[in-house]
Amino acid sequence: MSEPSDTTKPRQFRVAEGHWKAYKRVCDGLGVTRAEDLNAHIKAVIAEHGDAEARRLAAEADAELAERRARMHPGRPRQAG
């Protein structure tokens, strides 16, 4: 069974090693992972600068993720965030 094409996937981008290490230290201090922080940043940029279509796509993605997480972990408490 294959997953839908719009599920979360690893993404690749270039960043200097020193920035990546420093970013981990900052995120550790904030109590979040780099992935959590990057996802929050992406959502904030869409909310602030996205047009109606970008916001619609983001809302669809949020709904799909919520549904998939509920299906995968029905008894697991939801994480704050």
Protein backbone atom coordinates (compact mmCIF):
# COMPACT_ATOMS: atom_id res chain seq x y z
CA MET A 1 0.00 0.00 0.00
CA SER A 2 1.56 3.28 -1.03
CA GLU A 3 1.22 6.51 0.88
CA PRO A 4 -0.54 9.53 -0.62
CA SER A 5 1.78 11.79 -2.59
CA ASP A 6 1.30 14.69 -0.17
CA THR A 7 2.56 13.02 3.02
CA THR A 8 5.64 14.29 4.80
CA LYS A 9 8.89 13.48 3.04
CA PRO A 10 12.53 14.18 3.72
CA ARG A 11 13.60 17.35 1.92
CA GLN A 12 17.11 18.38 1.09
CA PHE A 13 18.62 21.85 1.19
CA ARG A 14 22.08 23.26 1.67
CA VAL A 15 23.18 24.89 4.90
CA ALA A 16 26.63 25.54 6.34
CA GLU A 17 27.68 22.94 8.93
CA GLY A 18 28.27 25.62 11.57
CA HIS A 19 24.79 27.07 11.06
CA TRP A 20 23.22 23.59 11.31
CA LYS A 21 25.07 22.85 14.57
CA ALA A 22 24.23 26.26 16.01
CA TYR A 23 20.60 25.84 14.98
CA LYS A 24 20.46 22.49 16.81
CA ARG A 25 21.77 24.13 19.99
CA VAL A 26 19.13 26.85 19.73
CA CYS A 27 16.32 24.36 19.05
CA ASP A 28 17.50 22.14 21.92
CA GLY A 29 17.30 25.19 24.19
CA LEU A 30 13.77 25.87 22.96
CA GLY A 31 12.75 22.25 23.50
CA VAL A 32 11.92 21.59 19.84
CA THR A 33 13.53 19.63 17.05
CA ARG A 34 14.88 21.35 13.99
CA ALA A 35 12.12 19.66 11.96
CA GLU A 36 9.43 21.01 14.28
CA ASP A 37 10.90 24.51 14.12
CA LEU A 38 11.29 24.43 10.34
CA ASN A 39 7.71 23.22 9.91
CA ALA A 40 6.46 25.99 12.22
CA HIS A 41 8.46 28.55 10.22
CA ILE A 42 7.02 27.27 6.93
CA LYS A 43 3.48 27.55 8.30
CA ALA A 44 4.14 31.08 9.60
CA VAL A 45 5.52 32.24 6.23
CA ILE A 46 2.49 30.79 4.42
CA ALA A 47 0.11 32.45 6.90
CA GLU A 48 1.84 35.82 6.54
CA HIS A 49 2.71 35.90 2.84
CA GLY A 50 0.68 33.19 1.14
CA ASP A 51 -2.10 33.93 -1.27
CA ALA A 52 -5.48 32.21 -1.07
CA GLU A 53 -4.24 29.18 -3.00
CA ALA A 54 -1.17 28.75 -0.77
CA ARG A 55 -3.36 28.98 2.35
CA ARG A 56 -5.82 26.47 0.85
CA LEU A 57 -3.01 24.02 0.07
CA ALA A 58 -1.61 24.43 3.59
CA ALA A 59 -5.04 23.86 5.16
CA GLU A 60 -5.48 20.69 3.10
CA ALA A 61 -2.04 19.48 4.20
CA ASP A 62 -2.84 20.20 7.86
CA ALA A 63 -6.12 18.29 7.61
CA GLU A 64 -4.45 15.34 5.89
CA LEU A 65 -1.70 15.19 8.52
CA ALA A 66 -4.19 15.37 11.38
CA GLU A 67 -6.28 12.58 9.88
CA ARG A 68 -3.25 10.39 9.19
CA ARG A 69 -1.82 10.90 12.68
CA ALA A 70 -5.17 10.07 14.27
CA ARG A 71 -5.37 6.90 12.21
CA MET A 72 -1.79 5.87 13.01
CA HIS A 73 -1.89 6.64 16.75
CA PRO A 74 -5.54 6.69 17.87
CA GLY A 75 -4.74 6.32 21.60
CA ARG A 76 -1.63 8.46 21.68
CA PRO A 77 -1.94 11.89 23.32
CA ARG A 78 -1.43 14.76 20.92
CA GLN A 79 1.83 16.69 21.27
CA ALA A 80 1.69 20.38 22.09
CA GLY A 81 2.48 22.55 19.15
